[in-house]
N, C-alpha and C. Protein backbone atom coordinates (compact mmCIF):
# COMPACT_ATOMS: atom_id res chain seq x y z
N MET A 1 -65.63 -244.51 23.95
CA MET A 1 -66.90 -244.41 24.63
C MET A 1 -67.71 -245.66 24.32
N GLN A 2 -68.39 -246.16 25.35
CA GLN A 2 -69.24 -247.32 25.19
C GLN A 2 -70.63 -246.98 25.73
N VAL A 3 -71.65 -247.32 24.96
CA VAL A 3 -73.03 -247.11 25.38
C VAL A 3 -73.69 -248.48 25.46
N TYR A 4 -74.08 -248.88 26.65
CA TYR A 4 -74.77 -250.15 26.84
C TYR A 4 -76.27 -249.88 26.75
N TRP A 5 -76.96 -250.68 25.94
CA TRP A 5 -78.38 -250.48 25.71
C TRP A 5 -79.07 -251.82 25.53
N ARG A 6 -80.39 -251.78 25.39
CA ARG A 6 -81.15 -252.98 25.05
C ARG A 6 -82.33 -252.59 24.16
N PRO A 7 -82.79 -253.49 23.32
CA PRO A 7 -83.93 -253.18 22.44
C PRO A 7 -85.18 -252.89 23.27
N GLY A 8 -85.98 -251.95 22.78
CA GLY A 8 -87.23 -251.62 23.43
C GLY A 8 -87.12 -250.61 24.56
N CYS A 9 -85.92 -250.14 24.84
CA CYS A 9 -85.71 -249.19 25.93
C CYS A 9 -85.94 -247.77 25.41
N PRO A 10 -86.99 -247.07 25.91
CA PRO A 10 -87.25 -245.71 25.40
C PRO A 10 -86.15 -244.72 25.78
N TYR A 11 -85.50 -244.93 26.92
CA TYR A 11 -84.42 -244.03 27.33
C TYR A 11 -83.21 -244.19 26.42
N CYS A 12 -82.97 -245.42 25.98
CA CYS A 12 -81.88 -245.66 25.03
C CYS A 12 -82.18 -245.00 23.70
N ALA A 13 -83.43 -245.07 23.26
CA ALA A 13 -83.82 -244.44 22.00
C ALA A 13 -83.66 -242.93 22.07
N MET A 14 -84.05 -242.32 23.19
CA MET A 14 -83.89 -240.88 23.33
C MET A 14 -82.42 -240.48 23.34
N LEU A 15 -81.58 -241.27 24.01
CA LEU A 15 -80.16 -240.97 24.03
C LEU A 15 -79.56 -241.11 22.63
N ARG A 16 -79.96 -242.14 21.90
CA ARG A 16 -79.46 -242.34 20.54
C ARG A 16 -79.83 -241.15 19.65
N LEU A 17 -81.06 -240.65 19.79
CA LEU A 17 -81.47 -239.47 19.03
C LEU A 17 -80.64 -238.25 19.41
N GLY A 18 -80.39 -238.07 20.69
CA GLY A 18 -79.61 -236.92 21.14
C GLY A 18 -78.16 -236.97 20.71
N LEU A 19 -77.64 -238.17 20.50
CA LEU A 19 -76.22 -238.33 20.12
C LEU A 19 -76.03 -238.66 18.65
N ARG A 20 -77.08 -238.53 17.85
CA ARG A 20 -76.96 -238.95 16.46
C ARG A 20 -75.90 -238.19 15.68
N GLY A 21 -75.63 -236.94 16.03
CA GLY A 21 -74.60 -236.18 15.34
C GLY A 21 -73.19 -236.58 15.73
N ALA A 22 -73.04 -237.28 16.84
CA ALA A 22 -71.71 -237.68 17.32
C ALA A 22 -71.20 -238.95 16.65
N ARG A 23 -72.08 -239.65 15.97
CA ARG A 23 -71.70 -240.89 15.28
C ARG A 23 -71.00 -241.87 16.23
N VAL A 24 -71.65 -242.15 17.33
CA VAL A 24 -71.12 -243.07 18.33
C VAL A 24 -71.15 -244.48 17.76
N ARG A 25 -70.02 -245.16 17.84
CA ARG A 25 -69.93 -246.53 17.31
C ARG A 25 -69.91 -247.58 18.40
N GLY A 26 -69.85 -247.18 19.64
CA GLY A 26 -69.72 -248.14 20.73
C GLY A 26 -71.02 -248.54 21.38
N TRP A 27 -72.09 -248.78 20.57
CA TRP A 27 -73.37 -249.21 21.13
C TRP A 27 -73.33 -250.73 21.32
N ILE A 28 -73.52 -251.16 22.57
CA ILE A 28 -73.42 -252.59 22.89
C ILE A 28 -74.74 -253.06 23.46
N ASN A 29 -75.37 -254.02 22.79
CA ASN A 29 -76.64 -254.59 23.22
C ASN A 29 -76.39 -255.59 24.35
N ILE A 30 -76.90 -255.30 25.53
CA ILE A 30 -76.62 -256.17 26.68
C ILE A 30 -77.39 -257.49 26.60
N TRP A 31 -78.41 -257.57 25.75
CA TRP A 31 -79.11 -258.84 25.57
C TRP A 31 -78.36 -259.78 24.65
N ASP A 32 -77.47 -259.25 23.83
CA ASP A 32 -76.65 -260.08 22.95
C ASP A 32 -75.28 -260.39 23.53
N ASP A 33 -74.84 -259.64 24.51
CA ASP A 33 -73.49 -259.78 25.06
C ASP A 33 -73.58 -259.94 26.58
N GLN A 34 -73.42 -261.16 27.06
CA GLN A 34 -73.55 -261.42 28.49
C GLN A 34 -72.45 -260.75 29.31
N ASP A 35 -71.25 -260.61 28.73
CA ASP A 35 -70.17 -259.90 29.43
C ASP A 35 -70.52 -258.43 29.60
N ALA A 36 -71.15 -257.85 28.59
CA ALA A 36 -71.58 -256.46 28.69
C ALA A 36 -72.66 -256.31 29.77
N ALA A 37 -73.58 -257.25 29.83
CA ALA A 37 -74.61 -257.22 30.86
C ALA A 37 -73.98 -257.30 32.25
N ALA A 38 -72.95 -258.11 32.38
CA ALA A 38 -72.25 -258.22 33.66
C ALA A 38 -71.55 -256.91 34.02
N ARG A 39 -70.96 -256.24 33.03
CA ARG A 39 -70.33 -254.94 33.28
C ARG A 39 -71.36 -253.90 33.75
N VAL A 40 -72.54 -253.90 33.11
CA VAL A 40 -73.59 -252.97 33.52
C VAL A 40 -74.03 -253.27 34.96
N ARG A 41 -74.19 -254.53 35.30
CA ARG A 41 -74.57 -254.89 36.68
C ARG A 41 -73.50 -254.45 37.67
N ALA A 42 -72.24 -254.56 37.28
CA ALA A 42 -71.15 -254.12 38.17
C ALA A 42 -71.17 -252.60 38.34
N ILE A 43 -71.47 -251.87 37.28
CA ILE A 43 -71.50 -250.40 37.35
C ILE A 43 -72.67 -249.93 38.20
N THR A 44 -73.84 -250.55 37.99
CA THR A 44 -75.06 -250.08 38.66
C THR A 44 -75.25 -250.67 40.04
N GLY A 45 -74.48 -251.66 40.39
CA GLY A 45 -74.63 -252.27 41.70
C GLY A 45 -75.69 -253.36 41.74
N GLY A 46 -76.06 -253.90 40.60
CA GLY A 46 -77.01 -255.00 40.58
C GLY A 46 -77.90 -255.03 39.36
N PRO A 47 -78.80 -254.06 39.19
CA PRO A 47 -79.73 -254.16 38.06
C PRO A 47 -79.08 -253.81 36.72
N GLU A 48 -79.71 -254.28 35.67
CA GLU A 48 -79.22 -254.00 34.32
C GLU A 48 -79.90 -252.72 33.81
N THR A 49 -79.55 -251.60 34.41
CA THR A 49 -80.14 -250.32 34.04
C THR A 49 -79.44 -249.76 32.82
N VAL A 50 -80.23 -249.48 31.79
CA VAL A 50 -79.70 -248.91 30.56
C VAL A 50 -80.50 -247.66 30.21
N PRO A 51 -79.90 -246.73 29.50
CA PRO A 51 -78.55 -246.77 28.97
C PRO A 51 -77.52 -246.50 30.06
N THR A 52 -76.43 -247.19 29.97
CA THR A 52 -75.27 -246.96 30.81
C THR A 52 -74.13 -246.58 29.86
N VAL A 53 -73.50 -245.45 30.12
CA VAL A 53 -72.47 -244.92 29.23
C VAL A 53 -71.15 -244.85 29.98
N VAL A 54 -70.09 -245.32 29.34
CA VAL A 54 -68.75 -245.23 29.90
C VAL A 54 -67.93 -244.33 28.97
N VAL A 55 -67.48 -243.21 29.53
CA VAL A 55 -66.64 -242.27 28.78
C VAL A 55 -65.31 -242.21 29.51
N GLY A 56 -64.28 -242.78 28.90
CA GLY A 56 -62.99 -242.84 29.56
C GLY A 56 -63.10 -243.66 30.84
N THR A 57 -62.89 -243.01 31.98
CA THR A 57 -62.98 -243.70 33.28
C THR A 57 -64.28 -243.39 34.00
N ARG A 58 -65.13 -242.60 33.37
CA ARG A 58 -66.38 -242.18 34.01
C ARG A 58 -67.55 -243.01 33.51
N ALA A 59 -68.35 -243.55 34.44
CA ALA A 59 -69.55 -244.30 34.09
C ALA A 59 -70.77 -243.49 34.49
N MET A 60 -71.77 -243.46 33.60
CA MET A 60 -73.00 -242.72 33.84
C MET A 60 -74.19 -243.63 33.56
N VAL A 61 -75.13 -243.65 34.49
CA VAL A 61 -76.33 -244.47 34.33
C VAL A 61 -77.49 -243.56 33.95
N ASN A 62 -78.13 -243.89 32.84
CA ASN A 62 -79.26 -243.14 32.30
C ASN A 62 -78.95 -241.65 32.15
N PRO A 63 -77.85 -241.31 31.49
CA PRO A 63 -77.51 -239.90 31.33
C PRO A 63 -78.29 -239.26 30.18
N SER A 64 -78.35 -237.94 30.20
CA SER A 64 -78.91 -237.23 29.06
C SER A 64 -77.80 -237.08 28.01
N ALA A 65 -78.20 -236.73 26.80
CA ALA A 65 -77.21 -236.50 25.75
C ALA A 65 -76.26 -235.38 26.14
N ARG A 66 -76.79 -234.36 26.80
CA ARG A 66 -75.94 -233.24 27.25
C ARG A 66 -74.89 -233.70 28.25
N GLN A 67 -75.25 -234.59 29.15
CA GLN A 67 -74.27 -235.09 30.12
C GLN A 67 -73.17 -235.87 29.42
N VAL A 68 -73.54 -236.66 28.43
CA VAL A 68 -72.54 -237.44 27.70
C VAL A 68 -71.60 -236.50 26.94
N VAL A 69 -72.17 -235.53 26.25
CA VAL A 69 -71.35 -234.58 25.50
C VAL A 69 -70.43 -233.81 26.44
N ALA A 70 -70.95 -233.41 27.61
CA ALA A 70 -70.12 -232.70 28.58
C ALA A 70 -68.96 -233.56 29.05
N ALA A 71 -69.21 -234.85 29.27
CA ALA A 71 -68.13 -235.75 29.69
C ALA A 71 -67.09 -235.89 28.59
N VAL A 72 -67.54 -235.96 27.35
CA VAL A 72 -66.59 -236.06 26.23
C VAL A 72 -65.78 -234.78 26.12
N ARG A 73 -66.45 -233.65 26.23
CA ARG A 73 -65.75 -232.37 26.13
C ARG A 73 -64.82 -232.11 27.30
N ALA A 74 -65.04 -232.76 28.41
CA ALA A 74 -64.18 -232.59 29.59
C ALA A 74 -62.80 -233.20 29.35
N GLY A 75 -62.62 -233.84 28.20
CA GLY A 75 -61.30 -234.34 27.85
C GLY A 75 -60.96 -235.68 28.47
N GLN A 76 -61.97 -236.51 28.64
CA GLN A 76 -61.70 -237.85 29.15
C GLN A 76 -60.79 -238.57 28.16
N PRO A 77 -59.80 -239.31 28.65
CA PRO A 77 -58.88 -239.99 27.73
C PRO A 77 -59.58 -241.08 26.92
N GLY A 78 -59.15 -241.18 25.67
CA GLY A 78 -59.66 -242.26 24.84
C GLY A 78 -61.07 -242.05 24.34
N THR A 79 -61.54 -240.83 24.23
CA THR A 79 -62.90 -240.60 23.78
C THR A 79 -62.91 -239.86 22.46
N LEU A 80 -64.05 -239.90 21.79
CA LEU A 80 -64.17 -239.19 20.53
C LEU A 80 -64.43 -237.72 20.79
N THR A 81 -64.24 -236.91 19.79
CA THR A 81 -64.52 -235.49 19.94
C THR A 81 -66.01 -235.26 19.85
N ALA A 82 -66.48 -234.20 20.46
CA ALA A 82 -67.92 -233.91 20.50
C ALA A 82 -68.34 -232.96 19.40
N GLU A 83 -67.48 -232.71 18.42
CA GLU A 83 -67.82 -231.81 17.34
C GLU A 83 -69.01 -232.37 16.57
N GLY A 84 -69.93 -231.51 16.22
CA GLY A 84 -71.08 -231.92 15.43
C GLY A 84 -72.21 -232.51 16.22
N THR A 85 -72.10 -232.57 17.53
CA THR A 85 -73.21 -233.10 18.31
C THR A 85 -74.28 -232.05 18.47
N ARG A 86 -75.47 -232.49 18.64
CA ARG A 86 -76.57 -231.58 18.85
C ARG A 86 -76.71 -231.33 20.35
N PRO A 87 -77.14 -230.14 20.76
CA PRO A 87 -77.20 -229.83 22.18
C PRO A 87 -78.24 -230.64 22.94
N ALA A 88 -79.31 -231.03 22.30
CA ALA A 88 -80.33 -231.82 22.98
C ALA A 88 -81.18 -232.52 21.92
N SER A 89 -81.85 -233.57 22.32
CA SER A 89 -82.73 -234.26 21.39
C SER A 89 -83.94 -233.39 21.09
N TRP A 90 -84.64 -233.74 20.04
CA TRP A 90 -85.83 -232.98 19.68
C TRP A 90 -86.86 -233.03 20.79
N LEU A 91 -86.91 -234.15 21.52
CA LEU A 91 -87.87 -234.28 22.60
C LEU A 91 -87.52 -233.33 23.75
N ALA A 92 -86.24 -233.21 24.06
CA ALA A 92 -85.82 -232.29 25.12
C ALA A 92 -86.06 -230.84 24.71
N ARG A 93 -85.79 -230.54 23.43
CA ARG A 93 -86.05 -229.17 22.97
C ARG A 93 -87.53 -228.85 23.02
N ALA A 94 -88.38 -229.81 22.64
CA ALA A 94 -89.82 -229.58 22.68
C ALA A 94 -90.29 -229.38 24.12
N GLY A 95 -89.74 -230.14 25.05
CA GLY A 95 -90.08 -229.96 26.45
C GLY A 95 -89.70 -228.59 26.96
N GLY A 96 -88.56 -228.08 26.53
CA GLY A 96 -88.13 -226.75 26.93
C GLY A 96 -89.05 -225.68 26.37
N LEU A 97 -89.52 -225.89 25.15
CA LEU A 97 -90.45 -224.92 24.56
C LEU A 97 -91.76 -224.89 25.32
N LEU A 98 -92.22 -226.05 25.75
CA LEU A 98 -93.48 -226.09 26.48
C LEU A 98 -93.36 -225.41 27.83
N ARG A 99 -92.23 -225.54 28.48
CA ARG A 99 -92.04 -224.90 29.79
C ARG A 99 -91.95 -223.39 29.66
N ARG A 100 -91.40 -222.90 28.55
CA ARG A 100 -91.21 -221.47 28.37
C ARG A 100 -92.42 -220.76 27.78
N ARG A 101 -93.38 -221.52 27.31
CA ARG A 101 -94.53 -220.91 26.66
C ARG A 101 -95.37 -220.13 27.68
N ARG A 102 -95.76 -218.96 27.29
CA ARG A 102 -96.57 -218.13 28.17
C ARG A 102 -98.00 -218.64 28.18
N PRO A 103 -98.69 -218.52 29.32
CA PRO A 103 -100.08 -218.96 29.36
C PRO A 103 -100.95 -218.08 28.46
N ARG A 104 -101.96 -218.68 27.89
CA ARG A 104 -102.85 -217.94 27.02
C ARG A 104 -103.69 -216.95 27.81
N GLN A 105 -103.93 -215.83 27.23
CA GLN A 105 -104.82 -214.87 27.86
C GLN A 105 -106.25 -215.23 27.48
N GLN A 106 -107.11 -215.23 28.50
CA GLN A 106 -108.51 -215.56 28.24
C GLN A 106 -109.20 -214.38 27.57
N ASP A 107 -110.23 -214.70 26.84
CA ASP A 107 -111.02 -213.64 26.24
C ASP A 107 -111.59 -212.75 27.33
N ALA A 108 -111.83 -211.52 26.99
CA ALA A 108 -112.36 -210.57 27.96
C ALA A 108 -113.77 -210.93 28.40
N VAL A 109 -114.50 -211.64 27.57
CA VAL A 109 -115.88 -211.99 27.90
C VAL A 109 -115.92 -213.46 28.27
N ASP A 110 -116.30 -213.75 29.51
CA ASP A 110 -116.42 -215.13 29.96
C ASP A 110 -117.85 -215.62 29.81
N GLU A 111 -118.81 -214.70 29.69
CA GLU A 111 -120.20 -215.08 29.57
C GLU A 111 -120.51 -215.39 28.11
N PRO A 112 -121.54 -216.20 27.89
CA PRO A 112 -121.93 -216.48 26.50
C PRO A 112 -122.35 -215.20 25.80
N ARG A 113 -122.01 -215.10 24.55
CA ARG A 113 -122.35 -213.90 23.79
C ARG A 113 -123.83 -213.89 23.45
N ARG A 114 -124.42 -212.72 23.57
CA ARG A 114 -125.84 -212.54 23.25
C ARG A 114 -125.94 -211.83 21.91
N PRO A 115 -126.93 -212.18 21.15
CA PRO A 115 -127.09 -211.51 19.87
C PRO A 115 -127.41 -210.03 20.08
N ALA A 116 -126.91 -209.20 19.22
CA ALA A 116 -127.13 -207.77 19.32
C ALA A 116 -128.60 -207.46 19.06
N SER A 117 -129.18 -206.64 19.93
CA SER A 117 -130.58 -206.29 19.73
C SER A 117 -130.67 -205.04 18.86
N GLY A 118 -131.72 -204.96 18.14
CA GLY A 118 -131.86 -203.72 17.44
C GLY A 118 -132.39 -203.78 16.15
């Protein structure tokens, strides 16, 4: 598996966090390797869009960690095993929690409270 990335790319950072349990060793900086940059341009049809991941014969542009793990688990030849990978990055898990959170119930009294007389 090869992951093409560049410094300062937030999508690359999120993918790296999502794949940290997989111990991926094929991270290639396209700013340091002109041949790698050319491969990314060939895959994407022109722009140097990163992260670009190649798993076996399958190329993915800006995939999620789950998509990469699914490609690895699909048994692509020449890839590492997906054992020990996390299902999603902490950011993706946090986003899922926010979507599932129930809306707060408003207090029964919408008017300002008045002091009790008496």
